Amino acid sequence: MRIISGKYGGRKIHPPVKMPFTRPTTDIAKEGLFNILQNNRDIEGMDTLDLFGGTGSISYELASRGASKLTIVEKDPKMHAFISCKLIEFGIDNAKVVREDVFQFIDHCNLQYDFIFAGPPYALKRLDEIPLLIVEKGLLKKNGWFIIEHTPDHNFEKERLFKTSRNYGTTVFSIFVNS
């Protein structure tokens, strides 16, 4: 794995060999995701939220491209520690890593974000609830984007704020916009 572009572009990410419940976004899918995002939004100065942080790959990419404030939520202690170490190693000082269950975090969160990314485990039983929870809690700023990564088995077209989706084989990104 690597950071694709920006200030930290080309840096390698070597996650722990055993990553329980973690499925990193492939470089091809990540490149597609950031092409969509950069063609529609200016990442520079964004306040971002990365749910199910995993390896932290999405947030490193956001930091590399100029996001001003990053919040990463990861409940697994090993992955939380890994992300924390990588942030120090890369010199990313505008990020905080929250070790908490994503659903608990959403429940008590009273902030809004320019961009929210959720890359939940594909087998997560509550995966289909995530877009509704984000919208109901009002976590997106005006014109904010929320993208959830999932398999083609899920369809969010009827959800509020749904805009479009992009398919990268077994990876689908559903995009929601608070316009």
N, C-alpha and C. Protein backbone atom coordinates (compact mmCIF):
# COMPACT_ATOMS: atom_id res chain seq x y z
N MET A 1 0.84 -1.18 0.00
CA MET A 1 0.00 0.00 0.00
C MET A 1 0.88 1.24 0.00
N ARG A 2 0.33 2.30 -0.60
CA ARG A 2 1.09 3.54 -0.68
C ARG A 2 0.16 4.73 -0.67
N ILE A 3 0.72 5.89 -0.38
CA ILE A 3 -0.01 7.14 -0.54
C ILE A 3 0.17 7.54 -2.00
N ILE A 4 -0.91 7.77 -2.69
CA ILE A 4 -0.88 7.95 -4.14
C ILE A 4 -0.35 9.30 -4.57
N SER A 5 -0.80 10.38 -3.92
CA SER A 5 -0.48 11.70 -4.44
C SER A 5 -0.35 12.72 -3.32
N GLY A 6 0.15 13.90 -3.69
CA GLY A 6 0.24 15.00 -2.74
C GLY A 6 1.54 15.04 -1.98
N LYS A 7 1.52 15.78 -0.89
CA LYS A 7 2.69 16.04 -0.06
C LYS A 7 3.41 14.76 0.38
N TYR A 8 2.65 13.71 0.71
CA TYR A 8 3.23 12.46 1.19
C TYR A 8 3.21 11.37 0.12
N GLY A 9 2.94 11.76 -1.11
CA GLY A 9 2.82 10.80 -2.22
C GLY A 9 4.03 9.89 -2.34
N GLY A 10 3.77 8.61 -2.57
CA GLY A 10 4.84 7.63 -2.75
C GLY A 10 5.26 6.94 -1.48
N ARG A 11 4.89 7.48 -0.33
CA ARG A 11 5.27 6.83 0.93
C ARG A 11 4.53 5.51 1.07
N LYS A 12 5.23 4.51 1.56
CA LYS A 12 4.67 3.17 1.72
C LYS A 12 3.99 3.04 3.08
N ILE A 13 2.95 2.23 3.08
CA ILE A 13 2.25 1.91 4.32
C ILE A 13 2.33 0.40 4.48
N HIS A 14 2.98 -0.04 5.53
CA HIS A 14 3.14 -1.47 5.79
C HIS A 14 2.33 -1.82 7.03
N PRO A 15 1.04 -2.15 6.84
CA PRO A 15 0.22 -2.48 8.01
C PRO A 15 0.64 -3.78 8.67
N PRO A 16 0.20 -4.00 9.89
CA PRO A 16 0.52 -5.26 10.57
C PRO A 16 0.07 -6.45 9.73
N VAL A 17 0.79 -7.56 9.84
CA VAL A 17 0.46 -8.75 9.05
C VAL A 17 -0.94 -9.23 9.37
N LYS A 18 -1.28 -9.30 10.65
CA LYS A 18 -2.61 -9.73 11.05
C LYS A 18 -3.45 -8.51 11.38
N MET A 19 -4.46 -8.28 10.53
CA MET A 19 -5.35 -7.14 10.73
C MET A 19 -6.77 -7.67 10.86
N PRO A 20 -7.21 -7.99 12.07
CA PRO A 20 -8.55 -8.54 12.24
C PRO A 20 -9.61 -7.54 11.77
N PHE A 21 -10.54 -8.03 10.98
CA PHE A 21 -11.69 -7.23 10.53
C PHE A 21 -11.31 -6.07 9.62
N THR A 22 -10.07 -6.01 9.16
CA THR A 22 -9.62 -4.90 8.34
C THR A 22 -9.42 -5.35 6.90
N ARG A 23 -9.98 -4.57 5.98
CA ARG A 23 -9.85 -4.83 4.55
C ARG A 23 -9.46 -3.50 3.91
N PRO A 24 -8.17 -3.28 3.70
CA PRO A 24 -7.76 -1.99 3.14
C PRO A 24 -8.33 -1.76 1.74
N THR A 25 -8.69 -0.51 1.47
CA THR A 25 -9.14 -0.12 0.14
C THR A 25 -7.96 -0.31 -0.81
N THR A 26 -8.19 -0.98 -1.94
CA THR A 26 -7.10 -1.22 -2.89
C THR A 26 -6.63 0.11 -3.48
N ASP A 27 -5.38 0.12 -3.95
CA ASP A 27 -4.84 1.34 -4.55
C ASP A 27 -5.66 1.77 -5.77
N ILE A 28 -6.14 0.81 -6.56
CA ILE A 28 -6.94 1.15 -7.75
C ILE A 28 -8.25 1.81 -7.34
N ALA A 29 -8.95 1.23 -6.37
CA ALA A 29 -10.20 1.82 -5.90
C ALA A 29 -9.94 3.17 -5.24
N LYS A 30 -8.86 3.26 -4.45
CA LYS A 30 -8.53 4.52 -3.78
C LYS A 30 -8.22 5.62 -4.79
N GLU A 31 -7.50 5.26 -5.85
CA GLU A 31 -7.20 6.23 -6.90
C GLU A 31 -8.49 6.71 -7.56
N GLY A 32 -9.42 5.79 -7.83
CA GLY A 32 -10.71 6.16 -8.38
C GLY A 32 -11.48 7.08 -7.46
N LEU A 33 -11.50 6.73 -6.18
CA LEU A 33 -12.18 7.55 -5.17
C LEU A 33 -11.65 8.98 -5.17
N PHE A 34 -10.33 9.13 -5.16
CA PHE A 34 -9.76 10.46 -5.09
C PHE A 34 -9.87 11.22 -6.41
N ASN A 35 -9.94 10.52 -7.52
CA ASN A 35 -10.23 11.20 -8.80
C ASN A 35 -11.63 11.80 -8.76
N ILE A 36 -12.60 11.03 -8.28
CA ILE A 36 -13.98 11.54 -8.16
C ILE A 36 -14.00 12.75 -7.23
N LEU A 37 -13.39 12.60 -6.08
CA LEU A 37 -13.40 13.66 -5.08
C LEU A 37 -12.74 14.93 -5.60
N GLN A 38 -11.54 14.80 -6.15
CA GLN A 38 -10.80 15.99 -6.60
C GLN A 38 -11.43 16.65 -7.82
N ASN A 39 -12.16 15.89 -8.64
CA ASN A 39 -12.83 16.49 -9.79
C ASN A 39 -14.09 17.26 -9.39
N ASN A 40 -14.54 17.08 -8.15
CA ASN A 40 -15.76 17.72 -7.69
C ASN A 40 -15.60 18.63 -6.48
N ARG A 41 -14.54 18.45 -5.73
CA ARG A 41 -14.34 19.19 -4.49
C ARG A 41 -12.87 19.59 -4.35
N ASP A 42 -12.66 20.66 -3.61
CA ASP A 42 -11.29 21.06 -3.27
C ASP A 42 -10.99 20.47 -1.89
N ILE A 43 -10.06 19.54 -1.83
CA ILE A 43 -9.73 18.88 -0.56
C ILE A 43 -9.01 19.83 0.38
N GLU A 44 -8.27 20.76 -0.18
CA GLU A 44 -7.52 21.74 0.62
C GLU A 44 -8.46 22.42 1.62
N GLY A 45 -8.11 22.34 2.91
CA GLY A 45 -8.87 23.00 3.95
C GLY A 45 -10.07 22.24 4.48
N MET A 46 -10.33 21.04 3.97
CA MET A 46 -11.49 20.26 4.43
C MET A 46 -11.34 19.78 5.86
N ASP A 47 -12.47 19.69 6.53
CA ASP A 47 -12.59 19.07 7.85
C ASP A 47 -13.17 17.68 7.57
N THR A 48 -12.41 16.61 7.86
CA THR A 48 -12.80 15.27 7.43
C THR A 48 -13.01 14.30 8.59
N LEU A 49 -13.83 13.29 8.31
CA LEU A 49 -14.10 12.22 9.27
C LEU A 49 -13.95 10.89 8.53
N ASP A 50 -13.09 10.03 9.06
CA ASP A 50 -12.82 8.71 8.48
C ASP A 50 -13.34 7.67 9.47
N LEU A 51 -14.47 7.05 9.11
CA LEU A 51 -15.09 6.04 9.98
C LEU A 51 -14.57 4.66 9.60
N PHE A 52 -14.30 3.81 10.57
CA PHE A 52 -13.68 2.51 10.35
C PHE A 52 -12.30 2.74 9.74
N GLY A 53 -11.47 3.49 10.43
CA GLY A 53 -10.17 3.94 9.93
C GLY A 53 -9.26 2.86 9.39
N GLY A 54 -9.33 1.64 9.94
CA GLY A 54 -8.50 0.54 9.42
C GLY A 54 -7.03 0.86 9.49
N THR A 55 -6.39 0.95 8.33
CA THR A 55 -4.96 1.27 8.26
C THR A 55 -4.70 2.77 8.28
N GLY A 56 -5.76 3.57 8.12
CA GLY A 56 -5.61 5.02 8.05
C GLY A 56 -5.33 5.54 6.66
N SER A 57 -5.29 4.65 5.70
CA SER A 57 -4.90 4.97 4.33
C SER A 57 -5.68 6.14 3.73
N ILE A 58 -6.99 6.17 3.92
CA ILE A 58 -7.81 7.25 3.34
C ILE A 58 -7.43 8.59 3.98
N SER A 59 -7.24 8.60 5.28
CA SER A 59 -6.89 9.86 5.95
C SER A 59 -5.48 10.34 5.60
N TYR A 60 -4.54 9.42 5.42
CA TYR A 60 -3.19 9.85 4.99
C TYR A 60 -3.29 10.53 3.63
N GLU A 61 -4.12 9.97 2.77
CA GLU A 61 -4.31 10.52 1.42
C GLU A 61 -4.96 11.91 1.51
N LEU A 62 -5.95 12.05 2.39
CA LEU A 62 -6.60 13.35 2.58
C LEU A 62 -5.60 14.38 3.13
N ALA A 63 -4.80 13.98 4.10
CA ALA A 63 -3.78 14.88 4.67
C ALA A 63 -2.77 15.27 3.60
N SER A 64 -2.37 14.30 2.79
CA SER A 64 -1.39 14.54 1.74
C SER A 64 -1.89 15.56 0.72
N ARG A 65 -3.20 15.62 0.56
CA ARG A 65 -3.80 16.52 -0.43
C ARG A 65 -4.35 17.80 0.19
N GLY A 66 -4.02 18.06 1.47
CA GLY A 66 -4.30 19.36 2.06
C GLY A 66 -5.49 19.48 2.98
N ALA A 67 -6.13 18.39 3.37
CA ALA A 67 -7.22 18.50 4.35
C ALA A 67 -6.67 19.15 5.61
N SER A 68 -7.45 20.05 6.21
CA SER A 68 -6.91 20.82 7.33
C SER A 68 -7.13 20.16 8.69
N LYS A 69 -8.18 19.34 8.81
CA LYS A 69 -8.47 18.71 10.09
C LYS A 69 -9.01 17.32 9.81
N LEU A 70 -8.40 16.31 10.44
CA LEU A 70 -8.80 14.93 10.20
C LEU A 70 -9.17 14.25 11.51
N THR A 71 -10.30 13.57 11.50
CA THR A 71 -10.71 12.75 12.63
C THR A 71 -10.85 11.33 12.10
N ILE A 72 -10.20 10.39 12.77
CA ILE A 72 -10.22 8.99 12.36
C ILE A 72 -10.80 8.18 13.51
N VAL A 73 -11.81 7.37 13.21
CA VAL A 73 -12.43 6.53 14.24
C VAL A 73 -12.10 5.08 13.95
N GLU A 74 -11.43 4.42 14.89
CA GLU A 74 -11.04 3.01 14.76
C GLU A 74 -11.09 2.37 16.14
N LYS A 75 -11.89 1.33 16.28
CA LYS A 75 -12.03 0.72 17.62
C LYS A 75 -11.01 -0.36 17.92
N ASP A 76 -10.43 -1.00 16.91
CA ASP A 76 -9.46 -2.06 17.16
C ASP A 76 -8.17 -1.45 17.75
N PRO A 77 -7.73 -1.93 18.93
CA PRO A 77 -6.56 -1.31 19.58
C PRO A 77 -5.28 -1.40 18.74
N LYS A 78 -5.06 -2.51 18.04
CA LYS A 78 -3.84 -2.63 17.22
C LYS A 78 -3.85 -1.66 16.05
N MET A 79 -5.00 -1.53 15.39
CA MET A 79 -5.08 -0.62 14.25
C MET A 79 -5.07 0.83 14.72
N HIS A 80 -5.67 1.11 15.86
CA HIS A 80 -5.63 2.46 16.44
C HIS A 80 -4.18 2.85 16.70
N ALA A 81 -3.42 1.94 17.29
CA ALA A 81 -2.00 2.21 17.58
C ALA A 81 -1.21 2.37 16.28
N PHE A 82 -1.51 1.53 15.29
CA PHE A 82 -0.82 1.62 14.00
C PHE A 82 -1.04 2.99 13.37
N ILE A 83 -2.30 3.44 13.33
CA ILE A 83 -2.61 4.75 12.74
C ILE A 83 -1.90 5.85 13.51
N SER A 84 -1.94 5.79 14.82
CA SER A 84 -1.29 6.81 15.65
C SER A 84 0.20 6.90 15.34
N CYS A 85 0.86 5.75 15.21
CA CYS A 85 2.29 5.72 14.88
C CYS A 85 2.56 6.29 13.49
N LYS A 86 1.73 5.94 12.53
CA LYS A 86 1.92 6.43 11.15
C LYS A 86 1.74 7.94 11.08
N LEU A 87 0.79 8.47 11.82
CA LEU A 87 0.60 9.93 11.82
C LEU A 87 1.85 10.63 12.32
N ILE A 88 2.47 10.08 13.38
CA ILE A 88 3.71 10.65 13.90
C ILE A 88 4.83 10.49 12.87
N GLU A 89 4.96 9.28 12.31
CA GLU A 89 6.01 9.01 11.32
C GLU A 89 5.92 9.95 10.12
N PHE A 90 4.69 10.20 9.64
CA PHE A 90 4.51 11.07 8.47
C PHE A 90 4.52 12.55 8.83
N GLY A 91 4.47 12.86 10.13
CA GLY A 91 4.45 14.27 10.54
C GLY A 91 3.09 14.93 10.34
N ILE A 92 2.03 14.14 10.38
CA ILE A 92 0.68 14.67 10.23
C ILE A 92 0.19 15.06 11.63
N ASP A 93 0.16 16.36 11.89
CA ASP A 93 -0.18 16.82 13.24
C ASP A 93 -1.58 17.44 13.34
N ASN A 94 -2.33 17.40 12.24
CA ASN A 94 -3.68 17.96 12.26
C ASN A 94 -4.75 16.85 12.27
N ALA A 95 -4.39 15.71 12.84
CA ALA A 95 -5.30 14.56 12.89
C ALA A 95 -5.42 14.05 14.32
N LYS A 96 -6.61 13.52 14.61
CA LYS A 96 -6.78 12.84 15.90
C LYS A 96 -7.43 11.49 15.60
N VAL A 97 -7.00 10.49 16.37
CA VAL A 97 -7.52 9.14 16.23
C VAL A 97 -8.35 8.83 17.46
N VAL A 98 -9.59 8.48 17.23
CA VAL A 98 -10.53 8.17 18.30
C VAL A 98 -10.70 6.66 18.35
N ARG A 99 -10.43 6.07 19.51
CA ARG A 99 -10.61 4.62 19.67
C ARG A 99 -11.99 4.38 20.26
N GLU A 100 -12.92 4.08 19.35
CA GLU A 100 -14.31 3.94 19.76
C GLU A 100 -15.08 3.20 18.67
N ASP A 101 -16.17 2.59 19.07
CA ASP A 101 -17.09 1.99 18.12
C ASP A 101 -17.71 3.11 17.28
N VAL A 102 -17.78 2.91 15.96
CA VAL A 102 -18.28 3.94 15.05
C VAL A 102 -19.71 4.34 15.40
N PHE A 103 -20.56 3.39 15.72
CA PHE A 103 -21.96 3.71 16.00
C PHE A 103 -22.08 4.53 17.29
N GLN A 104 -21.25 4.26 18.27
CA GLN A 104 -21.24 5.09 19.49
C GLN A 104 -20.74 6.49 19.17
N PHE A 105 -19.70 6.57 18.34
CA PHE A 105 -19.16 7.87 17.96
C PHE A 105 -20.23 8.71 17.26
N ILE A 106 -20.91 8.11 16.29
CA ILE A 106 -21.96 8.83 15.56
C ILE A 106 -23.05 9.29 16.52
N ASP A 107 -23.41 8.43 17.45
CA ASP A 107 -24.50 8.73 18.38
C ASP A 107 -24.23 9.99 19.21
N HIS A 108 -22.99 10.19 19.63
CA HIS A 108 -22.71 11.36 20.48
C HIS A 108 -22.01 12.50 19.75
N CYS A 109 -21.72 12.33 18.48
CA CYS A 109 -21.02 13.37 17.72
C CYS A 109 -21.94 14.57 17.50
N ASN A 110 -21.43 15.76 17.76
CA ASN A 110 -22.21 16.97 17.52
C ASN A 110 -21.47 17.95 16.61
N LEU A 111 -20.53 17.42 15.83
CA LEU A 111 -19.78 18.23 14.88
C LEU A 111 -20.26 17.95 13.47
N GLN A 112 -19.89 18.83 12.55
CA GLN A 112 -20.18 18.62 11.14
C GLN A 112 -18.87 18.61 10.36
N TYR A 113 -18.90 17.92 9.23
CA TYR A 113 -17.69 17.72 8.43
C TYR A 113 -17.95 18.05 6.96
N ASP A 114 -16.87 18.45 6.28
CA ASP A 114 -16.94 18.69 4.84
C ASP A 114 -16.96 17.38 4.07
N PHE A 115 -16.27 16.38 4.62
CA PHE A 115 -16.17 15.08 3.95
C PHE A 115 -16.12 13.98 4.98
N ILE A 116 -16.98 12.98 4.77
CA ILE A 116 -17.00 11.79 5.63
C ILE A 116 -16.80 10.58 4.74
N PHE A 117 -15.89 9.71 5.15
CA PHE A 117 -15.68 8.45 4.45
C PHE A 117 -15.92 7.31 5.43
N ALA A 118 -16.66 6.29 4.99
CA ALA A 118 -16.87 5.09 5.79
C ALA A 118 -16.45 3.88 4.96
N GLY A 119 -15.49 3.14 5.48
CA GLY A 119 -15.05 1.90 4.85
C GLY A 119 -15.27 0.75 5.80
N PRO A 120 -16.53 0.42 6.09
CA PRO A 120 -16.80 -0.62 7.09
C PRO A 120 -16.42 -2.00 6.60
N PRO A 121 -16.24 -2.94 7.52
CA PRO A 121 -16.07 -4.33 7.09
C PRO A 121 -17.28 -4.73 6.25
N TYR A 122 -17.04 -5.38 5.14
CA TYR A 122 -18.14 -5.73 4.23
C TYR A 122 -19.20 -6.61 4.90
N ALA A 123 -18.82 -7.39 5.90
CA ALA A 123 -19.76 -8.29 6.57
C ALA A 123 -20.48 -7.62 7.75
N LEU A 124 -20.25 -6.34 7.97
CA LEU A 124 -20.86 -5.63 9.09
C LEU A 124 -22.38 -5.70 8.99
N LYS A 125 -23.02 -6.21 10.03
CA LYS A 125 -24.47 -6.39 10.01
C LYS A 125 -25.22 -5.06 9.90
N ARG A 126 -24.69 -4.00 10.43
CA ARG A 126 -25.38 -2.69 10.44
C ARG A 126 -24.91 -1.76 9.31
N LEU A 127 -24.23 -2.29 8.33
CA LEU A 127 -23.69 -1.47 7.25
C LEU A 127 -24.77 -0.60 6.60
N ASP A 128 -25.93 -1.17 6.34
CA ASP A 128 -27.01 -0.44 5.65
C ASP A 128 -27.55 0.74 6.45
N GLU A 129 -27.30 0.78 7.76
CA GLU A 129 -27.80 1.86 8.61
C GLU A 129 -26.93 3.12 8.54
N ILE A 130 -25.70 2.97 8.12
CA ILE A 130 -24.73 4.06 8.23
C ILE A 130 -25.16 5.33 7.50
N PRO A 131 -25.58 5.28 6.22
CA PRO A 131 -26.00 6.54 5.57
C PRO A 131 -27.14 7.25 6.29
N LEU A 132 -28.13 6.49 6.74
CA LEU A 132 -29.26 7.08 7.45
C LEU A 132 -28.79 7.77 8.73
N LEU A 133 -27.90 7.12 9.47
CA LEU A 133 -27.39 7.70 10.71
C LEU A 133 -26.63 9.01 10.45
N ILE A 134 -25.81 9.02 9.42
CA ILE A 134 -25.03 10.23 9.07
C ILE A 134 -25.98 11.38 8.76
N VAL A 135 -27.02 11.09 7.97
CA VAL A 135 -27.99 12.12 7.58
C VAL A 135 -28.82 12.56 8.77
N GLU A 136 -29.36 11.61 9.53
CA GLU A 136 -30.21 11.95 10.69
C GLU A 136 -29.47 12.79 11.73
N LYS A 137 -28.20 12.49 11.95
CA LYS A 137 -27.41 13.22 12.95
C LYS A 137 -26.92 14.57 12.41
N GLY A 138 -27.10 14.83 11.11
CA GLY A 138 -26.68 16.10 10.53
C GLY A 138 -25.18 16.29 10.56
N LEU A 139 -24.42 15.23 10.30
CA LEU A 139 -22.96 15.30 10.40
C LEU A 139 -22.29 15.97 9.20
N LEU A 140 -23.05 16.16 8.11
CA LEU A 140 -22.47 16.80 6.93
C LEU A 140 -22.76 18.30 6.92
N LYS A 141 -21.71 19.07 6.66
CA LYS A 141 -21.89 20.50 6.46
C LYS A 141 -22.65 20.72 5.14
N LYS A 142 -23.14 21.91 4.92
CA LYS A 142 -23.77 22.28 3.65
C LYS A 142 -22.76 22.00 2.53
N ASN A 143 -23.19 21.33 1.49
CA ASN A 143 -22.36 20.89 0.36
C ASN A 143 -21.34 19.83 0.74
N GLY A 144 -21.47 19.27 1.94
CA GLY A 144 -20.57 18.21 2.37
C GLY A 144 -20.85 16.91 1.64
N TRP A 145 -19.82 16.08 1.55
CA TRP A 145 -19.91 14.78 0.88
C TRP A 145 -19.72 13.67 1.89
N PHE A 146 -20.48 12.60 1.70
CA PHE A 146 -20.30 11.37 2.44
C PHE A 146 -20.17 10.24 1.43
N ILE A 147 -19.12 9.44 1.58
CA ILE A 147 -18.91 8.29 0.69
C ILE A 147 -18.77 7.04 1.55
N ILE A 148 -19.55 6.02 1.19
CA ILE A 148 -19.45 4.73 1.87
C ILE A 148 -18.97 3.69 0.88
N GLU A 149 -18.00 2.89 1.32
CA GLU A 149 -17.46 1.80 0.52
C GLU A 149 -18.21 0.52 0.88
N HIS A 150 -18.62 -0.22 -0.14
CA HIS A 150 -19.39 -1.45 0.09
C HIS A 150 -19.29 -2.36 -1.12
N THR A 151 -19.92 -3.53 -1.03
CA THR A 151 -19.95 -4.47 -2.15
C THR A 151 -21.18 -4.17 -3.02
N PRO A 152 -21.24 -4.77 -4.21
CA PRO A 152 -22.42 -4.59 -5.06
C PRO A 152 -23.70 -5.17 -4.44
N ASP A 153 -23.59 -5.92 -3.36
CA ASP A 153 -24.77 -6.48 -2.69
C ASP A 153 -25.64 -5.41 -2.02
N HIS A 154 -25.09 -4.23 -1.81
CA HIS A 154 -25.81 -3.14 -1.14
C HIS A 154 -26.19 -2.08 -2.17
N ASN A 155 -27.35 -1.47 -1.96
CA ASN A 155 -27.80 -0.42 -2.86
C ASN A 155 -28.40 0.71 -2.01
N PHE A 156 -27.87 1.90 -2.19
CA PHE A 156 -28.30 3.04 -1.38
C PHE A 156 -29.04 4.10 -2.20
N GLU A 157 -29.44 3.78 -3.43
CA GLU A 157 -30.04 4.76 -4.34
C GLU A 157 -31.29 5.43 -3.79
N LYS A 158 -32.01 4.77 -2.89
CA LYS A 158 -33.26 5.34 -2.36
C LYS A 158 -33.04 6.15 -1.08
N GLU A 159 -31.81 6.20 -0.60
CA GLU A 159 -31.50 6.94 0.64
C GLU A 159 -31.46 8.45 0.38
N ARG A 160 -31.83 9.22 1.42
CA ARG A 160 -31.74 10.67 1.31
C ARG A 160 -30.31 11.10 1.03
N LEU A 161 -30.15 12.11 0.24
CA LEU A 161 -28.89 12.74 -0.14
C LEU A 161 -28.05 11.89 -1.11
N PHE A 162 -28.54 10.70 -1.51
CA PHE A 162 -27.78 9.87 -2.46
C PHE A 162 -27.63 10.64 -3.77
N LYS A 163 -26.41 10.62 -4.30
CA LYS A 163 -26.12 11.32 -5.55
C LYS A 163 -25.80 10.33 -6.67
N THR A 164 -24.82 9.45 -6.43
CA THR A 164 -24.40 8.51 -7.46
C THR A 164 -23.54 7.43 -6.82
N SER A 165 -23.15 6.44 -7.62
CA SER A 165 -22.21 5.43 -7.13
C SER A 165 -21.23 5.11 -8.24
N ARG A 166 -20.09 4.58 -7.83
CA ARG A 166 -19.05 4.16 -8.78
C ARG A 166 -18.61 2.76 -8.39
N ASN A 167 -18.50 1.90 -9.39
CA ASN A 167 -18.19 0.50 -9.17
C ASN A 167 -16.77 0.19 -9.64
N TYR A 168 -15.98 -0.42 -8.77
CA TYR A 168 -14.62 -0.86 -9.07
C TYR A 168 -14.53 -2.35 -8.79
N GLY A 169 -15.28 -3.14 -9.55
CA GLY A 169 -15.30 -4.59 -9.35
C GLY A 169 -16.08 -4.97 -8.11
N THR A 170 -15.39 -5.49 -7.11
CA THR A 170 -16.07 -5.87 -5.87
C THR A 170 -16.21 -4.70 -4.90
N THR A 171 -15.69 -3.54 -5.27
CA THR A 171 -15.78 -2.34 -4.44
C THR A 171 -16.69 -1.32 -5.10
N VAL A 172 -17.65 -0.83 -4.33
CA VAL A 172 -18.56 0.22 -4.80
C VAL A 172 -18.46 1.40 -3.83
N PHE A 173 -18.41 2.60 -4.37
CA PHE A 173 -18.48 3.82 -3.57
C PHE A 173 -19.82 4.47 -3.82
N SER A 174 -20.67 4.59 -2.80
CA SER A 174 -21.92 5.33 -2.91
C SER A 174 -21.66 6.72 -2.36
N ILE A 175 -22.09 7.72 -3.11
CA ILE A 175 -21.79 9.11 -2.80
C ILE A 175 -23.07 9.86 -2.43
N PHE A 176 -23.01 10.56 -1.31
CA PHE A 176 -24.13 11.34 -0.80
C PHE A 176 -23.66 12.79 -0.69
N VAL A 177 -24.52 13.74 -1.10
CA VAL A 177 -24.15 15.16 -1.07
C VAL A 177 -25.25 15.94 -0.36
N ASN A 178 -24.85 16.75 0.61
CA ASN A 178 -25.78 17.60 1.35
C ASN A 178 -25.89 18.96 0.65
N SER A 179 -26.56 18.96 -0.51
CA SER A 179 -26.65 20.22 -1.30
C SER A 179 -27.83 21.07 -0.89
